[in-house]
């Protein structure tokens, strides 16, 4: 039985942020390699908490983790869950970019 779990990151614009750059994306990653909309070489066993701390996002944006293909589900609160598959960045207006994760 496949017990792989897939997650999606939601980066949502914080409308209270006055110095908003207008961009809502992942700007850099201290874990893995960010190439366009792909995070490559994420080590097997990386938790959501570890990856969340390793990502820098646009000013006025926040990261939220939800299960892949279940965008209406609440944010995953268990930050000890292992990261898999892909990330999705969603701006409040509905604009979205999908970030694929490649685990090594």
PDB file of N, CA and C in Angstrom:
ATOM      1  N   UNK A   1       0.844  -1.182   0.000  1.00  0.00           N
ATOM      2  CA  UNK A   1       0.000   0.000   0.000  1.00  0.00           C
ATOM      3  C   UNK A   1       0.890   1.246   0.000  1.00  0.00           C
ATOM      4  N   UNK A   2       0.665   2.114  -0.941  1.00  0.00           N
ATOM      5  CA  UNK A   2       1.452   3.344  -1.072  1.00  0.00           C
ATOM      6  C   UNK A   2       1.051   4.323   0.025  1.00  0.00           C
ATOM      7  N   UNK A   3       2.001   4.710   0.864  1.00  0.00           N
ATOM      8  CA  UNK A   3       1.706   5.632   1.952  1.00  0.00           C
ATOM      9  C   UNK A   3       2.308   7.004   1.704  1.00  0.00           C
ATOM     10  N   UNK A   4       2.648   7.283   0.442  1.00  0.00           N
ATOM     11  CA  UNK A   4       3.206   8.577   0.089  1.00  0.00           C
ATOM     12  C   UNK A   4       2.146   9.647   0.282  1.00  0.00           C
ATOM     13  N   UNK A   5       2.522  10.752   0.862  1.00  0.00           N
ATOM     14  CA  UNK A   5       1.607  11.872   1.062  1.00  0.00           C
ATOM     15  C   UNK A   5       2.064  13.021   0.190  1.00  0.00           C
ATOM     16  N   UNK A   6       1.124  13.694  -0.415  1.00  0.00           N
ATOM     17  CA  UNK A   6       1.430  14.840  -1.262  1.00  0.00           C
ATOM     18  C   UNK A   6       0.883  16.094  -0.614  1.00  0.00           C
ATOM     19  N   UNK A   7       1.606  17.194  -0.765  1.00  0.00           N
ATOM     20  CA  UNK A   7       1.196  18.448  -0.168  1.00  0.00           C
ATOM     21  C   UNK A   7       1.335  19.574  -1.161  1.00  0.00           C
ATOM     22  N   UNK A   8       0.640  20.622  -0.891  1.00  0.00           N
ATOM     23  CA  UNK A   8       0.689  21.833  -1.697  1.00  0.00           C
ATOM     24  C   UNK A   8       0.924  22.985  -0.742  1.00  0.00           C
ATOM     25  N   UNK A   9       1.784  23.927  -1.106  1.00  0.00           N
ATOM     26  CA  UNK A   9       1.986  25.127  -0.317  1.00  0.00           C
ATOM     27  C   UNK A   9       1.109  26.208  -0.898  1.00  0.00           C
ATOM     28  N   UNK A  10       0.431  26.939  -0.062  1.00  0.00           N
ATOM     29  CA  UNK A  10      -0.299  28.108  -0.518  1.00  0.00           C
ATOM     30  C   UNK A  10       0.406  29.332   0.024  1.00  0.00           C
ATOM     31  N   UNK A  11       0.778  30.229  -0.845  1.00  0.00           N
ATOM     32  CA  UNK A  11       1.325  31.510  -0.429  1.00  0.00           C
ATOM     33  C   UNK A  11       0.248  32.524  -0.745  1.00  0.00           C
ATOM     34  N   UNK A  12      -0.280  33.127   0.294  1.00  0.00           N
ATOM     35  CA  UNK A  12      -1.413  34.027   0.139  1.00  0.00           C
ATOM     36  C   UNK A  12      -0.996  35.432   0.512  1.00  0.00           C
ATOM     37  N   UNK A  13      -1.376  36.388  -0.309  1.00  0.00           N
ATOM     38  CA  UNK A  13      -1.034  37.786  -0.065  1.00  0.00           C
ATOM     39  C   UNK A  13      -1.680  38.261   1.225  1.00  0.00           C
ATOM     40  N   UNK A  14      -0.905  38.940   2.041  1.00  0.00           N
ATOM     41  CA  UNK A  14      -1.396  39.550   3.267  1.00  0.00           C
ATOM     42  C   UNK A  14      -1.817  40.969   2.925  1.00  0.00           C
ATOM     43  N   UNK A  15      -3.125  41.221   2.850  1.00  0.00           N
ATOM     44  CA  UNK A  15      -3.620  42.528   2.414  1.00  0.00           C
ATOM     45  C   UNK A  15      -3.320  43.638   3.412  1.00  0.00           C
ATOM     46  N   UNK A  16      -2.910  43.305   4.629  1.00  0.00           N
ATOM     47  CA  UNK A  16      -2.578  44.334   5.618  1.00  0.00           C
ATOM     48  C   UNK A  16      -1.154  44.853   5.432  1.00  0.00           C
ATOM     49  N   UNK A  17      -0.383  44.216   4.586  1.00  0.00           N
ATOM     50  CA  UNK A  17       1.006  44.604   4.349  1.00  0.00           C
ATOM     51  C   UNK A  17       1.030  45.801   3.411  1.00  0.00           C
ATOM     52  N   UNK A  18       1.484  46.952   3.887  1.00  0.00           N
ATOM     53  CA  UNK A  18       1.444  48.176   3.090  1.00  0.00           C
ATOM     54  C   UNK A  18       2.543  48.246   2.040  1.00  0.00           C
ATOM     55  N   UNK A  19       3.664  47.600   2.269  1.00  0.00           N
ATOM     56  CA  UNK A  19       4.780  47.674   1.327  1.00  0.00           C
ATOM     57  C   UNK A  19       4.810  46.457   0.411  1.00  0.00           C
ATOM     58  N   UNK A  20       3.653  46.008   0.006  1.00  0.00           N
ATOM     59  CA  UNK A  20       3.528  44.829  -0.831  1.00  0.00           C
ATOM     60  C   UNK A  20       4.188  45.056  -2.183  1.00  0.00           C
ATOM     61  N   UNK A  21       5.022  44.125  -2.607  1.00  0.00           N
ATOM     62  CA  UNK A  21       5.733  44.250  -3.880  1.00  0.00           C
ATOM     63  C   UNK A  21       4.857  43.932  -5.078  1.00  0.00           C
ATOM     64  N   UNK A  22       3.691  43.333  -4.859  1.00  0.00           N
ATOM     65  CA  UNK A  22       2.828  42.930  -5.955  1.00  0.00           C
ATOM     66  C   UNK A  22       3.142  41.531  -6.455  1.00  0.00           C
ATOM     67  N   UNK A  23       4.254  40.964  -6.024  1.00  0.00           N
ATOM     68  CA  UNK A  23       4.617  39.604  -6.404  1.00  0.00           C
ATOM     69  C   UNK A  23       4.408  38.681  -5.214  1.00  0.00           C
ATOM     70  N   UNK A  24       3.987  37.488  -5.491  1.00  0.00           N
ATOM     71  CA  UNK A  24       3.741  36.503  -4.439  1.00  0.00           C
ATOM     72  C   UNK A  24       4.350  35.195  -4.900  1.00  0.00           C
ATOM     73  N   UNK A  25       5.622  35.047  -4.604  1.00  0.00           N
ATOM     74  CA  UNK A  25       6.354  33.884  -5.083  1.00  0.00           C
ATOM     75  C   UNK A  25       7.417  33.485  -4.078  1.00  0.00           C
ATOM     76  N   UNK A  26       8.006  32.335  -4.312  1.00  0.00           N
ATOM     77  CA  UNK A  26       9.165  31.911  -3.541  1.00  0.00           C
ATOM     78  C   UNK A  26      10.368  32.596  -4.165  1.00  0.00           C
ATOM     79  N   UNK A  27      11.071  33.385  -3.363  1.00  0.00           N
ATOM     80  CA  UNK A  27      12.228  34.125  -3.872  1.00  0.00           C
ATOM     81  C   UNK A  27      13.526  33.351  -3.733  1.00  0.00           C
ATOM     82  N   UNK A  28      13.635  32.550  -2.661  1.00  0.00           N
ATOM     83  CA  UNK A  28      14.846  31.750  -2.474  1.00  0.00           C
ATOM     84  C   UNK A  28      14.551  30.563  -1.568  1.00  0.00           C
ATOM     85  N   UNK A  29      15.431  29.568  -1.649  1.00  0.00           N
ATOM     86  CA  UNK A  29      15.297  28.360  -0.831  1.00  0.00           C
ATOM     87  C   UNK A  29      16.664  27.971  -0.287  1.00  0.00           C
ATOM     88  N   UNK A  30      16.732  27.743   1.038  1.00  0.00           N
ATOM     89  CA  UNK A  30      17.975  27.303   1.669  1.00  0.00           C
ATOM     90  C   UNK A  30      18.104  25.782   1.641  1.00  0.00           C
ATOM     91  N   UNK A  31      17.008  25.104   1.323  1.00  0.00           N
ATOM     92  CA  UNK A  31      17.020  23.655   1.132  1.00  0.00           C
ATOM     93  C   UNK A  31      16.665  23.413  -0.325  1.00  0.00           C
ATOM     94  N   UNK A  32      17.456  22.633  -1.014  1.00  0.00           N
ATOM     95  CA  UNK A  32      17.186  22.344  -2.414  1.00  0.00           C
ATOM     96  C   UNK A  32      17.606  23.485  -3.322  1.00  0.00           C
ATOM     97  N   UNK A  33      17.216  23.374  -4.569  1.00  0.00           N
ATOM     98  CA  UNK A  33      17.560  24.356  -5.591  1.00  0.00           C
ATOM     99  C   UNK A  33      16.274  24.844  -6.238  1.00  0.00           C
ATOM    100  N   UNK A  34      16.066  26.157  -6.253  1.00  0.00           N
ATOM    101  CA  UNK A  34      14.887  26.749  -6.875  1.00  0.00           C
ATOM    102  C   UNK A  34      15.218  27.084  -8.319  1.00  0.00           C
ATOM    103  N   UNK A  35      14.525  26.431  -9.249  1.00  0.00           N
ATOM    104  CA  UNK A  35      14.693  26.698 -10.678  1.00  0.00           C
ATOM    105  C   UNK A  35      13.319  26.961 -11.265  1.00  0.00           C
ATOM    106  N   UNK A  36      13.024  28.226 -11.509  1.00  0.00           N
ATOM    107  CA  UNK A  36      11.701  28.572 -12.022  1.00  0.00           C
ATOM    108  C   UNK A  36      10.634  28.169 -11.033  1.00  0.00           C
ATOM    109  N   UNK A  37       9.757  27.275 -11.458  1.00  0.00           N
ATOM    110  CA  UNK A  37       8.684  26.810 -10.575  1.00  0.00           C
ATOM    111  C   UNK A  37       8.944  25.390 -10.075  1.00  0.00           C
ATOM    112  N   UNK A  38      10.217  25.048  -9.944  1.00  0.00           N
ATOM    113  CA  UNK A  38      10.585  23.729  -9.423  1.00  0.00           C
ATOM    114  C   UNK A  38      11.581  23.881  -8.281  1.00  0.00           C
ATOM    115  N   UNK A  39      11.319  23.165  -7.186  1.00  0.00           N
ATOM    116  CA  UNK A  39      12.283  23.032  -6.089  1.00  0.00           C
ATOM    117  C   UNK A  39      12.924  21.665  -6.253  1.00  0.00           C
ATOM    118  N   UNK A  40      14.190  21.638  -6.664  1.00  0.00           N
ATOM    119  CA  UNK A  40      14.893  20.387  -6.922  1.00  0.00           C
ATOM    120  C   UNK A  40      15.762  20.000  -5.737  1.00  0.00           C
ATOM    121  N   UNK A  41      16.046  18.716  -5.666  1.00  0.00           N
ATOM    122  CA  UNK A  41      16.996  18.168  -4.694  1.00  0.00           C
ATOM    123  C   UNK A  41      16.587  18.398  -3.243  1.00  0.00           C
ATOM    124  N   UNK A  42      15.293  18.303  -2.958  1.00  0.00           N
ATOM    125  CA  UNK A  42      14.825  18.357  -1.569  1.00  0.00           C
ATOM    126  C   UNK A  42      15.151  16.996  -0.951  1.00  0.00           C
ATOM    127  N   UNK A  43      15.914  16.968   0.131  1.00  0.00           N
ATOM    128  CA  UNK A  43      16.302  15.687   0.727  1.00  0.00           C
ATOM    129  C   UNK A  43      15.101  14.893   1.245  1.00  0.00           C
ATOM    130  N   UNK A  44      15.125  13.593   1.004  1.00  0.00           N
ATOM    131  CA  UNK A  44      14.117  12.698   1.559  1.00  0.00           C
ATOM    132  C   UNK A  44      14.105  12.882   3.069  1.00  0.00           C
ATOM    133  N   UNK A  45      12.930  12.952   3.650  1.00  0.00           N
ATOM    134  CA  UNK A  45      12.821  13.112   5.094  1.00  0.00           C
ATOM    135  C   UNK A  45      12.686  14.553   5.553  1.00  0.00           C
ATOM    136  N   UNK A  46      12.677  15.508   4.618  1.00  0.00           N
ATOM    137  CA  UNK A  46      12.497  16.916   4.985  1.00  0.00           C
ATOM    138  C   UNK A  46      11.062  17.128   5.442  1.00  0.00           C
ATOM    139  N   UNK A  47      10.892  17.777   6.577  1.00  0.00           N
ATOM    140  CA  UNK A  47       9.544  18.043   7.086  1.00  0.00           C
ATOM    141  C   UNK A  47       9.026  19.375   6.545  1.00  0.00           C
ATOM    142  N   UNK A  48       7.728  19.552   6.660  1.00  0.00           N
ATOM    143  CA  UNK A  48       7.111  20.813   6.252  1.00  0.00           C
ATOM    144  C   UNK A  48       7.729  21.963   7.033  1.00  0.00           C
ATOM    145  N   UNK A  49       7.932  21.767   8.332  1.00  0.00           N
ATOM    146  CA  UNK A  49       8.512  22.821   9.164  1.00  0.00           C
ATOM    147  C   UNK A  49       9.904  23.218   8.672  1.00  0.00           C
ATOM    148  N   UNK A  50      10.726  22.239   8.364  1.00  0.00           N
ATOM    149  CA  UNK A  50      12.078  22.527   7.883  1.00  0.00           C
ATOM    150  C   UNK A  50      12.049  23.297   6.566  1.00  0.00           C
ATOM    151  N   UNK A  51      11.200  22.865   5.641  1.00  0.00           N
ATOM    152  CA  UNK A  51      11.142  23.528   4.346  1.00  0.00           C
ATOM    153  C   UNK A  51      10.526  24.915   4.473  1.00  0.00           C
ATOM    154  N   UNK A  52       9.510  25.037   5.301  1.00  0.00           N
ATOM    155  CA  UNK A  52       8.864  26.341   5.503  1.00  0.00           C
ATOM    156  C   UNK A  52       9.878  27.369   6.004  1.00  0.00           C
ATOM    157  N   UNK A  53      10.719  26.961   6.954  1.00  0.00           N
ATOM    158  CA  UNK A  53      11.740  27.862   7.497  1.00  0.00           C
ATOM    159  C   UNK A  53      12.820  28.183   6.470  1.00  0.00           C
ATOM    160  N   UNK A  54      13.014  27.301   5.498  1.00  0.00           N
ATOM    161  CA  UNK A  54      14.084  27.465   4.511  1.00  0.00           C
ATOM    162  C   UNK A  54      13.667  28.294   3.295  1.00  0.00           C
ATOM    163  N   UNK A  55      12.386  28.653   3.203  1.00  0.00           N
ATOM    164  CA  UNK A  55      11.897  29.402   2.048  1.00  0.00           C
ATOM    165  C   UNK A  55      11.736  30.877   2.375  1.00  0.00           C
ATOM    166  N   UNK A  56      12.158  31.722   1.457  1.00  0.00           N
ATOM    167  CA  UNK A  56      11.920  33.159   1.546  1.00  0.00           C
ATOM    168  C   UNK A  56      10.901  33.492   0.469  1.00  0.00           C
ATOM    169  N   UNK A  57       9.816  34.141   0.881  1.00  0.00           N
ATOM    170  CA  UNK A  57       8.760  34.489  -0.070  1.00  0.00           C
ATOM    171  C   UNK A  57       8.658  35.997  -0.217  1.00  0.00           C
ATOM    172  N   UNK A  58       7.943  36.426  -1.235  1.00  0.00           N
ATOM    173  CA  UNK A  58       7.748  37.850  -1.494  1.00  0.00           C
ATOM    174  C   UNK A  58       7.163  38.550  -0.278  1.00  0.00           C
ATOM    175  N   UNK A  59       7.527  39.810  -0.118  1.00  0.00           N
ATOM    176  CA  UNK A  59       7.002  40.626   0.981  1.00  0.00           C
ATOM    177  C   UNK A  59       5.479  40.635   0.906  1.00  0.00           C
ATOM    178  N   UNK A  60       4.834  40.397   2.045  1.00  0.00           N
ATOM    179  CA  UNK A  60       3.375  40.386   2.105  1.00  0.00           C
ATOM    180  C   UNK A  60       2.756  39.039   1.805  1.00  0.00           C
ATOM    181  N   UNK A  61       3.572  37.998   1.685  1.00  0.00           N
ATOM    182  CA  UNK A  61       3.054  36.663   1.388  1.00  0.00           C
ATOM    183  C   UNK A  61       3.330  35.726   2.561  1.00  0.00           C
ATOM    184  N   UNK A  62       2.473  34.731   2.711  1.00  0.00           N
ATOM    185  CA  UNK A  62       2.624  33.711   3.744  1.00  0.00           C
ATOM    186  C   UNK A  62       2.522  32.339   3.105  1.00  0.00           C
ATOM    187  N   UNK A  63       3.177  31.345   3.698  1.00  0.00           N
ATOM    188  CA  UNK A  63       3.116  29.972   3.192  1.00  0.00           C
ATOM    189  C   UNK A  63       2.103  29.190   4.005  1.00  0.00           C
ATOM    190  N   UNK A  64       1.233  28.482   3.301  1.00  0.00           N
ATOM    191  CA  UNK A  64       0.286  27.558   3.924  1.00  0.00           C
ATOM    192  C   UNK A  64       0.412  26.225   3.208  1.00  0.00           C
ATOM    193  N   UNK A  65       0.398  25.137   3.934  1.00  0.00           N
ATOM    194  CA  UNK A  65       0.524  23.801   3.376  1.00  0.00           C
ATOM    195  C   UNK A  65      -0.841  23.137   3.365  1.00  0.00           C
ATOM    196  N   UNK A  66      -1.251  22.627   2.216  1.00  0.00           N
ATOM    197  CA  UNK A  66      -2.493  21.861   2.098  1.00  0.00           C
ATOM    198  C   UNK A  66      -2.200  20.627   1.264  1.00  0.00           C
ATOM    199  N   UNK A  67      -3.062  19.619   1.363  1.00  0.00           N
ATOM    200  CA  UNK A  67      -2.876  18.403   0.585  1.00  0.00           C
ATOM    201  C   UNK A  67      -3.093  18.684  -0.891  1.00  0.00           C
ATOM    202  N   UNK A  68      -2.282  18.074  -1.723  1.00  0.00           N
ATOM    203  CA  UNK A  68      -2.382  18.202  -3.177  1.00  0.00           C
ATOM    204  C   UNK A  68      -3.770  17.768  -3.631  1.00  0.00           C
ATOM    205  N   UNK A  69      -4.307  18.484  -4.602  1.00  0.00           N
ATOM    206  CA  UNK A  69      -5.618  18.212  -5.196  1.00  0.00           C
ATOM    207  C   UNK A  69      -6.769  18.402  -4.217  1.00  0.00           C
ATOM    208  N   UNK A  70      -6.507  19.003  -3.074  1.00  0.00           N
ATOM    209  CA  UNK A  70      -7.553  19.287  -2.094  1.00  0.00           C
ATOM    210  C   UNK A  70      -7.378  20.718  -1.605  1.00  0.00           C
ATOM    211  N   UNK A  71      -7.433  21.682  -2.537  1.00  0.00           N
ATOM    212  CA  UNK A  71      -7.141  23.069  -2.218  1.00  0.00           C
ATOM    213  C   UNK A  71      -8.107  23.684  -1.202  1.00  0.00           C
ATOM    214  N   UNK A  72      -9.290  23.104  -1.045  1.00  0.00           N
ATOM    215  CA  UNK A  72     -10.256  23.666  -0.100  1.00  0.00           C
ATOM    216  C   UNK A  72     -10.076  23.130   1.315  1.00  0.00           C
ATOM    217  N   UNK A  73      -9.099  22.257   1.521  1.00  0.00           N
ATOM    218  CA  UNK A  73      -8.874  21.725   2.856  1.00  0.00           C
ATOM    219  C   UNK A  73      -8.128  22.745   3.700  1.00  0.00           C
ATOM    220  N   UNK A  74      -8.292  22.671   5.010  1.00  0.00           N
ATOM    221  CA  UNK A  74      -7.576  23.621   5.872  1.00  0.00           C
ATOM    222  C   UNK A  74      -6.071  23.382   5.843  1.00  0.00           C
ATOM    223  N   UNK A  75      -5.360  24.366   6.318  1.00  0.00           N
ATOM    224  CA  UNK A  75      -3.902  24.277   6.403  1.00  0.00           C
ATOM    225  C   UNK A  75      -3.499  23.075   7.245  1.00  0.00           C
ATOM    226  N   UNK A  76      -2.465  22.374   6.800  1.00  0.00           N
ATOM    227  CA  UNK A  76      -1.934  21.248   7.568  1.00  0.00           C
ATOM    228  C   UNK A  76      -1.206  21.826   8.773  1.00  0.00           C
ATOM    229  N   UNK A  77      -1.637  21.444   9.948  1.00  0.00           N
ATOM    230  CA  UNK A  77      -1.055  21.972  11.184  1.00  0.00           C
ATOM    231  C   UNK A  77       0.119  21.142  11.676  1.00  0.00           C
ATOM    232  N   UNK A  78       0.178  19.863  11.262  1.00  0.00           N
ATOM    233  CA  UNK A  78       1.258  18.979  11.701  1.00  0.00           C
ATOM    234  C   UNK A  78       2.487  19.234  10.844  1.00  0.00           C
ATOM    235  N   UNK A  79       3.360  20.102  11.334  1.00  0.00           N
ATOM    236  CA  UNK A  79       4.540  20.487  10.571  1.00  0.00           C
ATOM    237  C   UNK A  79       5.616  19.406  10.551  1.00  0.00           C
ATOM    238  N   UNK A  80       5.360  18.276  11.234  1.00  0.00           N
ATOM    239  CA  UNK A  80       6.314  17.173  11.202  1.00  0.00           C
ATOM    240  C   UNK A  80       6.080  16.250  10.007  1.00  0.00           C
ATOM    241  N   UNK A  81       5.016  16.492   9.253  1.00  0.00           N
ATOM    242  CA  UNK A  81       4.741  15.699   8.047  1.00  0.00           C
ATOM    243  C   UNK A  81       5.885  15.870   7.057  1.00  0.00           C
ATOM    244  N   UNK A  82       6.188  14.825   6.316  1.00  0.00           N
ATOM    245  CA  UNK A  82       7.254  14.876   5.321  1.00  0.00           C
ATOM    246  C   UNK A  82       6.765  15.536   4.038  1.00  0.00           C
ATOM    247  N   UNK A  83       7.639  16.297   3.407  1.00  0.00           N
ATOM    248  CA  UNK A  83       7.339  17.000   2.169  1.00  0.00           C
ATOM    249  C   UNK A  83       7.408  16.030   0.998  1.00  0.00           C
ATOM    250  N   UNK A  84       6.445  16.148   0.070  1.00  0.00           N
ATOM    251  CA  UNK A  84       6.452  15.358  -1.156  1.00  0.00           C
ATOM    252  C   UNK A  84       5.853  16.168  -2.298  1.00  0.00           C
ATOM    253  N   UNK A  85       6.052  15.707  -3.486  1.00  0.00           N
ATOM    254  CA  UNK A  85       5.438  16.128  -4.736  1.00  0.00           C
ATOM    255  C   UNK A  85       5.481  17.582  -5.156  1.00  0.00           C
ATOM    256  N   UNK A  86       4.488  18.404  -4.856  1.00  0.00           N
ATOM    257  CA  UNK A  86       4.492  19.749  -5.427  1.00  0.00           C
ATOM    258  C   UNK A  86       3.935  20.812  -4.483  1.00  0.00           C
ATOM    259  N   UNK A  87       4.283  22.035  -4.778  1.00  0.00           N
ATOM    260  CA  UNK A  87       3.795  23.187  -4.038  1.00  0.00           C
ATOM    261  C   UNK A  87       2.899  24.004  -4.941  1.00  0.00           C
ATOM    262  N   UNK A  88       1.949  24.672  -4.360  1.00  0.00           N
ATOM    263  CA  UNK A  88       1.111  25.592  -5.108  1.00  0.00           C
ATOM    264  C   UNK A  88       1.112  26.931  -4.384  1.00  0.00           C
ATOM    265  N   UNK A  89       1.349  27.990  -5.114  1.00  0.00           N
ATOM    266  CA  UNK A  89       1.305  29.335  -4.553  1.00  0.00           C
ATOM    267  C   UNK A  89       0.016  29.972  -5.037  1.00  0.00           C
ATOM    268  N   UNK A  90      -0.825  30.419  -4.108  1.00  0.00           N
ATOM    269  CA  UNK A  90      -2.096  31.032  -4.484  1.00  0.00           C
ATOM    270  C   UNK A  90      -2.169  32.438  -3.901  1.00  0.00           C
ATOM    271  N   UNK A  91      -2.368  33.429  -4.762  1.00  0.00           N
ATOM    272  CA  UNK A  91      -2.571  34.816  -4.347  1.00  0.00           C
ATOM    273  C   UNK A  91      -4.064  34.985  -4.078  1.00  0.00           C
ATOM    274  N   UNK A  92      -4.447  35.843  -3.125  1.00  0.00           N
ATOM    275  CA  UNK A  92      -5.852  36.010  -2.755  1.00  0.00           C
ATOM    276  C   UNK A  92      -6.782  36.231  -3.939  1.00  0.00           C
ATOM    277  N   UNK A  93      -6.265  36.879  -4.994  1.00  0.00           N
ATOM    278  CA  UNK A  93      -7.110  37.150  -6.154  1.00  0.00           C
ATOM    279  C   UNK A  93      -7.401  35.891  -6.961  1.00  0.00           C
ATOM    280  N   UNK A  94      -6.742  34.805  -6.645  1.00  0.00           N
ATOM    281  CA  UNK A  94      -6.954  33.549  -7.352  1.00  0.00           C
ATOM    282  C   UNK A  94      -5.835  33.205  -8.316  1.00  0.00           C
ATOM    283  N   UNK A  95      -4.922  34.135  -8.576  1.00  0.00           N
ATOM    284  CA  UNK A  95      -3.767  33.853  -9.412  1.00  0.00           C
ATOM    285  C   UNK A  95      -2.940  32.765  -8.749  1.00  0.00           C
ATOM    286  N   UNK A  96      -2.473  31.816  -9.519  1.00  0.00           N
ATOM    287  CA  UNK A  96      -1.696  30.744  -8.900  1.00  0.00           C
ATOM    288  C   UNK A  96      -0.533  30.303  -9.766  1.00  0.00           C
ATOM    289  N   UNK A  97       0.488  29.815  -9.098  1.00  0.00           N
ATOM    290  CA  UNK A  97       1.644  29.203  -9.732  1.00  0.00           C
ATOM    291  C   UNK A  97       1.919  27.904  -8.996  1.00  0.00           C
ATOM    292  N   UNK A  98       2.180  26.837  -9.716  1.00  0.00           N
ATOM    293  CA  UNK A  98       2.465  25.545  -9.091  1.00  0.00           C
ATOM    294  C   UNK A  98       3.972  25.337  -9.042  1.00  0.00           C
ATOM    295  N   UNK A  99       4.481  25.046  -7.855  1.00  0.00           N
ATOM    296  CA  UNK A  99       5.894  24.722  -7.652  1.00  0.00           C
ATOM    297  C   UNK A  99       6.016  23.218  -7.453  1.00  0.00           C
ATOM    298  N   UNK A 100       6.695  22.549  -8.351  1.00  0.00           N
ATOM    299  CA  UNK A 100       6.918  21.114  -8.257  1.00  0.00           C
ATOM    300  C   UNK A 100       8.108  20.853  -7.340  1.00  0.00           C
ATOM    301  N   UNK A 101       7.994  19.814  -6.514  1.00  0.00           N
ATOM    302  CA  UNK A 101       9.093  19.411  -5.630  1.00  0.00           C
ATOM    303  C   UNK A 101       9.705  18.137  -6.181  1.00  0.00           C
ATOM    304  N   UNK A 102      11.010  18.107  -6.264  1.00  0.00           N
ATOM    305  CA  UNK A 102      11.728  16.896  -6.647  1.00  0.00           C
ATOM    306  C   UNK A 102      12.550  16.436  -5.452  1.00  0.00           C
ATOM    307  N   UNK A 103      12.175  15.285  -4.903  1.00  0.00           N
ATOM    308  CA  UNK A 103      12.835  14.717  -3.732  1.00  0.00           C
ATOM    309  C   UNK A 103      14.038  13.892  -4.191  1.00  0.00           C
ATOM    310  N   UNK A 104      15.157  13.997  -3.453  1.00  0.00           N
ATOM    311  CA  UNK A 104      16.321  13.153  -3.791  1.00  0.00           C
ATOM    312  C   UNK A 104      16.442  12.043  -2.771  1.00  0.00           C
TER     313      UNK A 104
END
